[in-house]
Amino acid sequence: MSDTTLRFETLEALRARVDAWRQGGDRIVLVPTMGALHAGHLALVAHAKAIGRRAVVSIFVNPTQFGPNEDFARYPRDTETDLGLLSRAGADAAWLPSVETMYPSGFSTRIEPGPAAEGLCGAVRPGHFSGVATVVTKLINQVRPDVALFGEKDFQQLQVIRSVVRDLDLAVTIEGVPTLRETDGLALSSRNRYLDPRERAIAPRLHAVLADMAGRLAHGAEAAPLVAEGIAVLEAAGFGPVQYLEVRDAHTLAPVARVEREARVLVAAYLGRTRLIDNVAVVPV
């Protein structure tokens, strides 16, 4: 790793460096990640550098947001490769807390987010958003950034974080960044590396189904028949189970029967052993 990205493993050292930057008048932007970095993460770093003087990237695979039968143990980890990518991307600091740093002995506080966490991933992954809300709040308090960036691929997560920041009066601006995709439409994700060649060839159907639904919803089609059709198409393509395929209001995440203002079509589906999520915006015409 070059000298361009500073590596921090203790909170004291991180805060000393960030405080010095802040005292020098630098605007600080946080990019929270779980590592296994790809071009989507690096696009967040580039955006951070465009809107702020200092980009701080956290790498922490958060155990509290994984359920007992989920992929915490096999979640891809390659810290040294990640650090090399961050250096080439121009990140100023990498924050690499241990589990013991984030959740020391006696840690007992969790944040339970409100309505934004209900349904969708919140329904099929109990406790997930409590883990997300808690760790993100800790990261914000540790780094004390002016802005924190999150990709729109995890759209419900983005809305949960916005609600937590609003409700707890956290002094940070949350900004969503559009999803980066492969040329065939597949949303970039660290979990894509789980896909075998056959599954990788099927995976772009996920976005294709969402895009088709979004186009018809924008012209006034009812949601329910399109959802049923979309699930059938995905299952026929080889996805399953489809955990959810829903149309939700883009601001409140309330279910939508017919799109009258900006909405999102959101999906979570397994392809083999790999759980993929995606969403597409719907703007009525």
Protein backbone atom coordinates (compact mmCIF):
# COMPACT_ATOMS: atom_id res chain seq x y z
CA MET A 1 0.00 0.00 0.00
CA SER A 2 1.27 3.44 -0.82
CA ASP A 3 1.47 6.34 1.60
CA THR A 4 -1.66 7.91 0.13
CA THR A 5 -4.07 5.88 2.28
CA LEU A 6 -3.44 5.87 6.01
CA ARG A 7 -4.38 2.68 7.85
CA PHE A 8 -6.00 2.93 11.28
CA GLU A 9 -6.82 0.08 13.65
CA THR A 10 -7.35 2.03 16.89
CA LEU A 11 -10.03 4.61 17.49
CA GLU A 12 -7.62 6.97 19.25
CA ALA A 13 -5.30 7.15 16.25
CA LEU A 14 -8.17 7.56 13.80
CA ARG A 15 -9.77 10.37 15.77
CA ALA A 16 -6.46 12.20 16.20
CA ARG A 17 -5.90 12.20 12.44
CA VAL A 18 -9.49 13.11 11.54
CA ASP A 19 -9.57 15.87 14.16
CA ALA A 20 -6.39 17.34 12.68
CA TRP A 21 -7.94 17.34 9.22
CA ARG A 22 -11.09 18.95 10.55
CA GLN A 23 -9.15 21.64 12.39
CA GLY A 24 -7.39 22.37 9.11
CA GLY A 25 -10.75 23.06 7.50
CA ASP A 26 -11.08 19.79 5.56
CA ARG A 27 -14.51 18.40 4.71
CA ILE A 28 -14.64 14.71 5.64
CA VAL A 29 -16.68 12.07 3.82
CA LEU A 30 -17.22 8.56 5.19
CA VAL A 31 -17.72 5.51 2.96
CA PRO A 32 -18.79 2.56 5.14
CA THR A 33 -18.04 -0.87 3.60
CA MET A 34 -17.68 -4.52 4.56
CA GLY A 35 -14.64 -4.89 2.33
CA ALA A 36 -14.37 -7.21 -0.69
CA LEU A 37 -14.21 -3.96 -2.60
CA HIS A 38 -15.30 -3.66 -6.22
CA ALA A 39 -15.80 -0.87 -8.73
CA GLY A 40 -19.03 0.20 -7.03
CA HIS A 41 -17.17 0.93 -3.81
CA LEU A 42 -14.43 2.74 -5.70
CA ALA A 43 -17.08 4.91 -7.36
CA LEU A 44 -18.21 5.91 -3.87
CA VAL A 45 -14.61 6.83 -3.02
CA ALA A 46 -14.36 8.92 -6.20
CA HIS A 47 -17.59 10.70 -5.30
CA ALA A 48 -16.32 11.27 -1.76
CA LYS A 49 -13.20 12.93 -3.12
CA ALA A 50 -15.32 15.04 -5.47
CA ILE A 51 -17.50 16.46 -2.69
CA GLY A 52 -15.00 16.55 0.19
CA ARG A 53 -11.32 17.00 0.95
CA ARG A 54 -10.84 13.74 2.87
CA ALA A 55 -12.33 10.31 2.13
CA VAL A 56 -12.40 7.85 5.03
CA VAL A 57 -13.35 4.28 4.12
CA SER A 58 -14.31 1.84 6.85
CA ILE A 59 -13.88 -1.90 6.34
CA PHE A 60 -15.76 -3.99 8.87
CA VAL A 61 -17.73 -7.21 8.35
CA ASN A 62 -20.39 -6.57 10.95
CA PRO A 63 -21.49 -9.76 12.70
CA THR A 64 -24.62 -8.23 14.22
CA GLN A 65 -26.33 -7.77 10.84
CA PHE A 66 -25.99 -11.44 9.84
CA GLY A 67 -28.55 -14.03 10.88
CA PRO A 68 -27.57 -17.46 12.26
CA ASN A 69 -27.96 -19.19 8.88
CA GLU A 70 -26.47 -16.42 6.74
CA ASP A 71 -23.05 -16.08 5.14
CA PHE A 72 -21.01 -14.26 7.80
CA ALA A 73 -18.32 -16.96 7.95
CA ARG A 74 -17.87 -17.16 4.19
CA TYR A 75 -18.34 -13.46 3.41
CA PRO A 76 -15.31 -12.56 1.25
CA ARG A 77 -12.42 -10.92 3.10
CA ASP A 78 -9.23 -9.66 1.46
CA THR A 79 -7.99 -6.67 3.41
CA GLU A 80 -4.63 -6.22 1.72
CA THR A 81 -6.18 -6.23 -1.74
CA ASP A 82 -8.81 -3.78 -0.52
CA LEU A 83 -6.15 -1.45 0.84
CA GLY A 84 -4.32 -1.49 -2.47
CA LEU A 85 -7.52 -0.56 -4.28
CA LEU A 86 -8.17 2.26 -1.84
CA SER A 87 -4.69 3.67 -2.34
CA ARG A 88 -5.10 3.69 -6.10
CA ALA A 89 -8.53 5.29 -5.70
CA GLY A 90 -7.09 8.10 -3.58
CA ALA A 91 -8.80 7.33 -0.27
CA ASP A 92 -7.18 9.26 2.56
CA ALA A 93 -7.80 6.79 5.39
CA ALA A 94 -8.91 3.22 5.93
CA TRP A 95 -10.60 2.49 9.24
CA LEU A 96 -10.18 -1.19 10.13
CA PRO A 97 -11.80 -1.78 13.52
CA SER A 98 -11.80 -5.24 15.06
CA VAL A 99 -14.94 -6.89 16.41
CA GLU A 100 -13.54 -6.24 19.90
CA THR A 101 -13.19 -2.54 19.11
CA MET A 102 -16.74 -2.24 17.82
CA TYR A 103 -18.34 -4.50 20.40
CA PRO A 104 -16.13 -4.59 23.49
CA SER A 105 -16.87 -6.78 26.48
CA GLY A 106 -20.11 -5.65 28.09
CA PHE A 107 -21.49 -3.98 24.96
CA SER A 108 -25.28 -4.16 25.27
CA THR A 109 -26.86 -1.31 23.29
CA ARG A 110 -28.73 -1.78 20.02
CA ILE A 111 -30.73 0.62 17.90
CA GLU A 112 -34.14 -0.60 16.76
CA PRO A 113 -35.10 1.37 13.64
CA GLY A 114 -38.69 2.25 12.85
CA PRO A 115 -41.08 1.76 9.92
CA ALA A 116 -38.41 1.97 7.19
CA ALA A 117 -37.03 -1.35 8.46
CA GLU A 118 -40.37 -3.17 8.22
CA GLY A 119 -41.04 -5.62 5.41
CA LEU A 120 -38.70 -6.44 2.52
CA CYS A 121 -35.27 -7.38 3.95
CA GLY A 122 -36.53 -6.53 7.41
CA ALA A 123 -39.10 -9.31 7.18
CA VAL A 124 -36.82 -12.04 5.85
CA ARG A 125 -33.73 -11.07 7.87
CA PRO A 126 -34.92 -10.49 11.46
CA GLY A 127 -32.56 -8.26 13.40
CA HIS A 128 -30.60 -7.29 10.29
CA PHE A 129 -31.46 -3.60 10.32
CA SER A 130 -30.93 -3.30 14.04
CA GLY A 131 -27.37 -4.49 13.40
CA VAL A 132 -26.98 -2.11 10.47
CA ALA A 133 -28.39 0.88 12.36
CA THR A 134 -26.18 0.20 15.38
CA VAL A 135 -22.93 -0.23 13.49
CA VAL A 136 -23.54 2.74 11.17
CA THR A 137 -24.34 4.96 14.14
CA LYS A 138 -21.09 3.86 15.77
CA LEU A 139 -19.11 4.52 12.58
CA ILE A 140 -20.61 7.99 12.26
CA ASN A 141 -19.78 8.76 15.88
CA GLN A 142 -16.25 7.40 15.46
CA VAL A 143 -15.36 9.29 12.29
CA ARG A 144 -17.69 12.29 12.76
CA PRO A 145 -17.90 12.95 9.00
CA ASP A 146 -19.68 15.81 7.31
CA VAL A 147 -21.21 13.39 4.79
CA ALA A 148 -21.64 9.60 4.67
CA LEU A 149 -22.20 7.84 1.34
CA PHE A 150 -24.26 4.71 0.69
CA GLY A 151 -25.04 2.94 -2.56
CA GLU A 152 -28.66 2.83 -3.69
CA LYS A 153 -28.47 -0.91 -4.39
CA ASP A 154 -29.28 -1.40 -0.69
CA PHE A 155 -32.18 1.03 -0.96
CA GLN A 156 -34.05 -0.04 2.17
CA GLN A 157 -30.81 0.18 4.14
CA LEU A 158 -30.30 3.73 2.83
CA GLN A 159 -33.78 4.73 3.99
CA VAL A 160 -33.27 3.08 7.38
CA ILE A 161 -30.03 5.00 7.89
CA ARG A 162 -31.67 8.25 6.86
CA SER A 163 -34.42 7.69 9.41
CA VAL A 164 -31.94 6.87 12.20
CA VAL A 165 -29.86 9.97 11.45
CA ARG A 166 -33.00 12.14 11.43
CA ASP A 167 -34.49 10.63 14.58
CA LEU A 168 -31.26 10.74 16.61
CA ASP A 169 -30.19 14.20 15.39
CA LEU A 170 -26.85 12.91 14.14
CA ALA A 171 -24.77 15.73 12.67
CA VAL A 172 -24.12 14.16 9.26
CA THR A 173 -25.60 14.37 5.78
CA ILE A 174 -26.55 10.99 4.27
CA GLU A 175 -26.21 10.80 0.51
CA GLY A 176 -27.30 7.94 -1.72
CA VAL A 177 -25.22 7.16 -4.81
CA PRO A 178 -26.76 5.43 -7.85
CA THR A 179 -26.06 1.74 -8.35
CA LEU A 180 -23.13 0.85 -10.57
CA ARG A 181 -23.83 -2.03 -12.96
CA GLU A 182 -22.05 -4.43 -15.26
CA THR A 183 -22.68 -3.87 -18.97
CA ASP A 184 -25.37 -6.57 -18.86
CA GLY A 185 -27.24 -4.80 -16.05
CA LEU A 186 -26.16 -6.88 -13.04
CA ALA A 187 -25.69 -4.64 -10.01
CA LEU A 188 -22.15 -4.75 -8.67
CA SER A 189 -21.97 -6.64 -5.38
CA SER A 190 -19.31 -8.38 -3.32
CA ARG A 191 -21.54 -11.46 -3.36
CA ASN A 192 -21.39 -11.71 -7.15
CA ARG A 193 -18.11 -13.58 -6.77
CA TYR A 194 -20.13 -16.48 -5.31
CA LEU A 195 -21.84 -17.04 -8.68
CA ASP A 196 -20.61 -19.88 -10.87
CA PRO A 197 -20.46 -19.30 -14.66
CA ARG A 198 -23.95 -20.68 -15.27
CA GLU A 199 -25.46 -18.56 -12.51
CA ARG A 200 -23.56 -15.49 -13.68
CA ALA A 201 -25.15 -15.88 -17.11
CA ILE A 202 -28.62 -15.98 -15.52
CA ALA A 203 -28.09 -13.17 -12.98
CA PRO A 204 -28.77 -10.19 -15.33
CA ARG A 205 -32.38 -11.35 -15.64
CA LEU A 206 -32.96 -9.85 -12.21
CA HIS A 207 -32.38 -6.31 -13.40
CA ALA A 208 -34.13 -6.97 -16.71
CA VAL A 209 -37.33 -7.97 -14.91
CA LEU A 210 -37.19 -4.90 -12.67
CA ALA A 211 -36.55 -2.56 -15.59
CA ASP A 212 -39.49 -4.02 -17.53
CA MET A 213 -41.78 -3.67 -14.53
CA ALA A 214 -40.62 -0.10 -13.88
CA GLY A 215 -41.41 0.92 -17.46
CA ARG A 216 -44.94 -0.43 -17.29
CA LEU A 217 -45.57 0.93 -13.80
CA ALA A 218 -44.48 4.38 -14.96
CA HIS A 219 -47.27 4.28 -17.53
CA GLY A 220 -49.96 3.42 -14.99
CA ALA A 221 -50.00 -0.37 -14.83
CA GLU A 222 -51.21 -1.97 -11.61
CA ALA A 223 -48.50 -3.41 -9.42
CA ALA A 224 -50.04 -6.73 -8.33
CA PRO A 225 -50.23 -8.49 -11.73
CA LEU A 226 -46.76 -7.27 -12.67
CA VAL A 227 -45.35 -8.62 -9.41
CA ALA A 228 -46.92 -12.03 -10.01
CA GLU A 229 -45.60 -12.07 -13.57
CA GLY A 230 -42.14 -10.97 -12.47
CA ILE A 231 -41.86 -13.71 -9.86
CA ALA A 232 -42.90 -16.30 -12.43
CA VAL A 233 -40.31 -15.06 -14.93
CA LEU A 234 -37.52 -15.12 -12.31
CA GLU A 235 -38.42 -18.61 -11.14
CA ALA A 236 -38.53 -19.86 -14.72
CA ALA A 237 -35.06 -18.37 -15.28
CA GLY A 238 -33.64 -20.31 -12.34
CA PHE A 239 -34.03 -17.97 -9.37
CA GLY A 240 -35.53 -19.32 -6.19
CA PRO A 241 -36.70 -18.72 -3.68
CA VAL A 242 -37.76 -15.19 -4.59
CA GLN A 243 -37.95 -13.71 -1.10
CA TYR A 244 -39.79 -10.62 -2.24
CA LEU A 245 -40.62 -8.58 -5.31
CA GLU A 246 -42.50 -5.44 -4.35
CA VAL A 247 -43.38 -1.94 -5.41
CA ARG A 248 -42.82 0.64 -2.67
CA ASP A 249 -43.02 4.40 -2.33
CA ALA A 250 -39.50 5.78 -2.76
CA HIS A 251 -39.76 8.05 0.28
CA THR A 252 -41.86 6.17 2.83
CA LEU A 253 -41.34 2.59 1.58
CA ALA A 254 -45.08 2.06 1.93
CA PRO A 255 -46.57 -0.51 -0.50
CA VAL A 256 -47.89 0.97 -3.73
CA ALA A 257 -50.77 -0.45 -5.78
CA ARG A 258 -50.35 2.01 -8.66
CA VAL A 259 -47.48 4.48 -9.02
CA GLU A 260 -48.54 8.11 -8.65
CA ARG A 261 -45.24 9.55 -7.44
CA GLU A 262 -41.66 8.28 -7.39
CA ALA A 263 -41.47 4.63 -6.37
CA ARG A 264 -39.04 1.72 -6.37
CA VAL A 265 -39.36 -1.86 -7.52
CA LEU A 266 -37.32 -3.95 -5.07
CA VAL A 267 -36.32 -7.60 -5.15
CA ALA A 268 -34.38 -10.18 -3.18
CA ALA A 269 -33.91 -13.60 -4.71
CA TYR A 270 -31.58 -16.53 -4.43
CA LEU A 271 -29.63 -17.82 -7.40
CA GLY A 272 -28.16 -21.09 -6.22
CA ARG A 273 -26.65 -20.31 -2.80
CA THR A 274 -26.23 -16.60 -3.56
CA ARG A 275 -28.72 -14.02 -2.36
CA LEU A 276 -29.00 -11.08 -4.75
CA ILE A 277 -30.87 -7.84 -4.18
CA ASP A 278 -31.62 -4.99 -6.55
CA ASN A 279 -34.04 -2.14 -7.16
CA VAL A 280 -35.06 0.23 -9.93
CA ALA A 281 -36.62 3.66 -9.69
CA VAL A 282 -40.09 4.31 -11.12
CA VAL A 283 -41.01 7.84 -12.15
CA PRO A 284 -44.59 8.22 -13.39
CA VAL A 285 -44.97 9.82 -16.81
